[in-house]
Amino acid sequence: MSLFDNECGCNKKKRASKCDGCICDQLRKLRPGTKVDAIVSGETEDTDNLIFSCLDEETCCATFIQDYGNRDVVILDCRQIQGIRIHD
């Protein structure tokens, strides 16, 4: 099983979403496996070295894998992310 399979609990169904805003829209378009850094509301430092996994349209939870060797799972509300940096 891959980290980017549909097994992460993310709902891929297309319908009206309560997950609105620029970042939620960008995450909908992002390909699983894309490396990003995130600026999270209320945090003083960026959340960096993230690998995007999926966005759950029902809960607005964006799932990432943090790439510091131990592959921690990071789940963020896309409505609380103020910005993202997409790596090549």
C-alpha atoms as a PDB file:
ATOM      1  CA  MET A   1       0.000   0.000   0.000  1.00  0.00           C
ATOM      2  CA  SER A   2       1.283   3.460  -0.912  1.00  0.00           C
ATOM      3  CA  LEU A   3       1.090   6.541   1.285  1.00  0.00           C
ATOM      4  CA  PHE A   4      -0.868   8.148  -1.535  1.00  0.00           C
ATOM      5  CA  ASP A   5      -3.548   5.507  -2.044  1.00  0.00           C
ATOM      6  CA  ASN A   6      -7.169   6.413  -1.376  1.00  0.00           C
ATOM      7  CA  GLU A   7      -6.775   4.537   1.919  1.00  0.00           C
ATOM      8  CA  CYS A   8      -5.926   7.715   3.868  1.00  0.00           C
ATOM      9  CA  GLY A   9      -9.588   8.323   4.722  1.00  0.00           C
ATOM     10  CA  CYS A  10      -9.978  11.169   2.275  1.00  0.00           C
ATOM     11  CA  ASN A  11     -13.322  11.508   0.578  1.00  0.00           C
ATOM     12  CA  LYS A  12     -12.777  12.057  -3.150  1.00  0.00           C
ATOM     13  CA  LYS A  13     -16.465  12.584  -4.082  1.00  0.00           C
ATOM     14  CA  LYS A  14     -17.248  15.778  -6.015  1.00  0.00           C
ATOM     15  CA  ARG A  15     -20.003  17.912  -4.468  1.00  0.00           C
ATOM     16  CA  ALA A  16     -20.550  21.250  -2.790  1.00  0.00           C
ATOM     17  CA  SER A  17     -17.893  21.739  -0.165  1.00  0.00           C
ATOM     18  CA  LYS A  18     -17.683  23.704   3.061  1.00  0.00           C
ATOM     19  CA  CYS A  19     -13.925  23.803   2.466  1.00  0.00           C
ATOM     20  CA  ASP A  20     -13.679  27.194   0.819  1.00  0.00           C
ATOM     21  CA  GLY A  21     -10.817  29.584   0.345  1.00  0.00           C
ATOM     22  CA  CYS A  22      -7.716  29.930  -1.724  1.00  0.00           C
ATOM     23  CA  ILE A  23      -5.627  27.230  -0.024  1.00  0.00           C
ATOM     24  CA  CYS A  24      -8.412  24.628  -0.015  1.00  0.00           C
ATOM     25  CA  ASP A  25      -8.861  25.298  -3.751  1.00  0.00           C
ATOM     26  CA  GLN A  26      -5.125  24.917  -4.377  1.00  0.00           C
ATOM     27  CA  LEU A  27      -4.978  21.651  -2.411  1.00  0.00           C
ATOM     28  CA  ARG A  28      -7.849  20.240  -4.501  1.00  0.00           C
ATOM     29  CA  LYS A  29      -5.655  20.732  -7.583  1.00  0.00           C
ATOM     30  CA  LEU A  30      -2.448  19.447  -5.995  1.00  0.00           C
ATOM     31  CA  ARG A  31      -1.173  16.040  -7.033  1.00  0.00           C
ATOM     32  CA  PRO A  32      -0.502  13.522  -4.229  1.00  0.00           C
ATOM     33  CA  GLY A  33       3.233  13.311  -3.626  1.00  0.00           C
ATOM     34  CA  THR A  34       3.846  17.034  -4.192  1.00  0.00           C
ATOM     35  CA  LYS A  35       6.295  18.567  -1.709  1.00  0.00           C
ATOM     36  CA  VAL A  36       5.081  21.732   0.069  1.00  0.00           C
ATOM     37  CA  ASP A  37       5.687  23.988   3.055  1.00  0.00           C
ATOM     38  CA  ALA A  38       2.648  25.398   4.883  1.00  0.00           C
ATOM     39  CA  ILE A  39       2.058  28.598   6.826  1.00  0.00           C
ATOM     40  CA  VAL A  40      -0.555  27.760   9.462  1.00  0.00           C
ATOM     41  CA  SER A  41      -2.746  30.345  11.196  1.00  0.00           C
ATOM     42  CA  GLY A  42      -1.547  31.026  14.751  1.00  0.00           C
ATOM     43  CA  GLU A  43       1.843  29.353  14.275  1.00  0.00           C
ATOM     44  CA  THR A  44       5.074  31.333  14.395  1.00  0.00           C
ATOM     45  CA  GLU A  45       7.047  28.995  12.142  1.00  0.00           C
ATOM     46  CA  ASP A  46       6.286  27.349   8.810  1.00  0.00           C
ATOM     47  CA  THR A  47       5.411  23.674   8.731  1.00  0.00           C
ATOM     48  CA  ASP A  48       7.959  22.479   6.206  1.00  0.00           C
ATOM     49  CA  ASN A  49       9.097  19.358   4.388  1.00  0.00           C
ATOM     50  CA  LEU A  50       5.519  18.164   3.845  1.00  0.00           C
ATOM     51  CA  ILE A  51       4.440  15.723   1.156  1.00  0.00           C
ATOM     52  CA  PHE A  52       0.785  16.221   0.191  1.00  0.00           C
ATOM     53  CA  SER A  53      -1.348  13.092   0.432  1.00  0.00           C
ATOM     54  CA  CYS A  54      -5.012  14.128   0.126  1.00  0.00           C
ATOM     55  CA  LEU A  55      -7.817  16.537   1.052  1.00  0.00           C
ATOM     56  CA  ASP A  56     -11.014  15.265   2.695  1.00  0.00           C
ATOM     57  CA  GLU A  57     -13.877  17.400   1.356  1.00  0.00           C
ATOM     58  CA  GLU A  58     -16.180  16.496   4.264  1.00  0.00           C
ATOM     59  CA  THR A  59     -13.852  17.478   7.095  1.00  0.00           C
ATOM     60  CA  CYS A  60     -11.507  19.899   5.269  1.00  0.00           C
ATOM     61  CA  CYS A  61      -8.590  17.879   6.656  1.00  0.00           C
ATOM     62  CA  ALA A  62      -5.505  17.969   4.463  1.00  0.00           C
ATOM     63  CA  THR A  63      -3.222  14.997   5.089  1.00  0.00           C
ATOM     64  CA  PHE A  64       0.527  15.334   4.638  1.00  0.00           C
ATOM     65  CA  ILE A  65       3.575  13.206   5.388  1.00  0.00           C
ATOM     66  CA  GLN A  66       6.388  15.164   7.065  1.00  0.00           C
ATOM     67  CA  ASP A  67       9.656  14.155   5.465  1.00  0.00           C
ATOM     68  CA  TYR A  68      12.227  14.218   8.286  1.00  0.00           C
ATOM     69  CA  GLY A  69      13.224  10.573   7.995  1.00  0.00           C
ATOM     70  CA  ASN A  70      10.543   9.166  10.302  1.00  0.00           C
ATOM     71  CA  ARG A  71       7.596  10.015   7.990  1.00  0.00           C
ATOM     72  CA  ASP A  72       5.167  11.512  10.531  1.00  0.00           C
ATOM     73  CA  VAL A  73       1.573  12.070   9.414  1.00  0.00           C
ATOM     74  CA  VAL A  74       0.443  15.712   9.669  1.00  0.00           C
ATOM     75  CA  ILE A  75      -3.248  16.591   9.384  1.00  0.00           C
ATOM     76  CA  LEU A  76      -4.204  20.252   8.941  1.00  0.00           C
ATOM     77  CA  ASP A  77      -7.539  22.005   8.402  1.00  0.00           C
ATOM     78  CA  CYS A  78      -7.145  23.592   4.964  1.00  0.00           C
ATOM     79  CA  ARG A  79      -9.175  26.594   6.183  1.00  0.00           C
ATOM     80  CA  GLN A  80      -6.450  27.318   8.773  1.00  0.00           C
ATOM     81  CA  ILE A  81      -3.566  27.252   6.290  1.00  0.00           C
ATOM     82  CA  GLN A  82      -2.653  30.812   5.290  1.00  0.00           C
ATOM     83  CA  GLY A  83      -0.228  29.907   2.538  1.00  0.00           C
ATOM     84  CA  ILE A  84       1.715  27.111   0.892  1.00  0.00           C
ATOM     85  CA  ARG A  85       5.051  26.962  -0.894  1.00  0.00           C
ATOM     86  CA  ILE A  86       5.101  24.327  -3.642  1.00  0.00           C
ATOM     87  CA  HIS A  87       8.499  22.751  -4.349  1.00  0.00           C
ATOM     88  CA  ASP A  88       9.622  21.733  -7.833  1.00  0.00           C
END
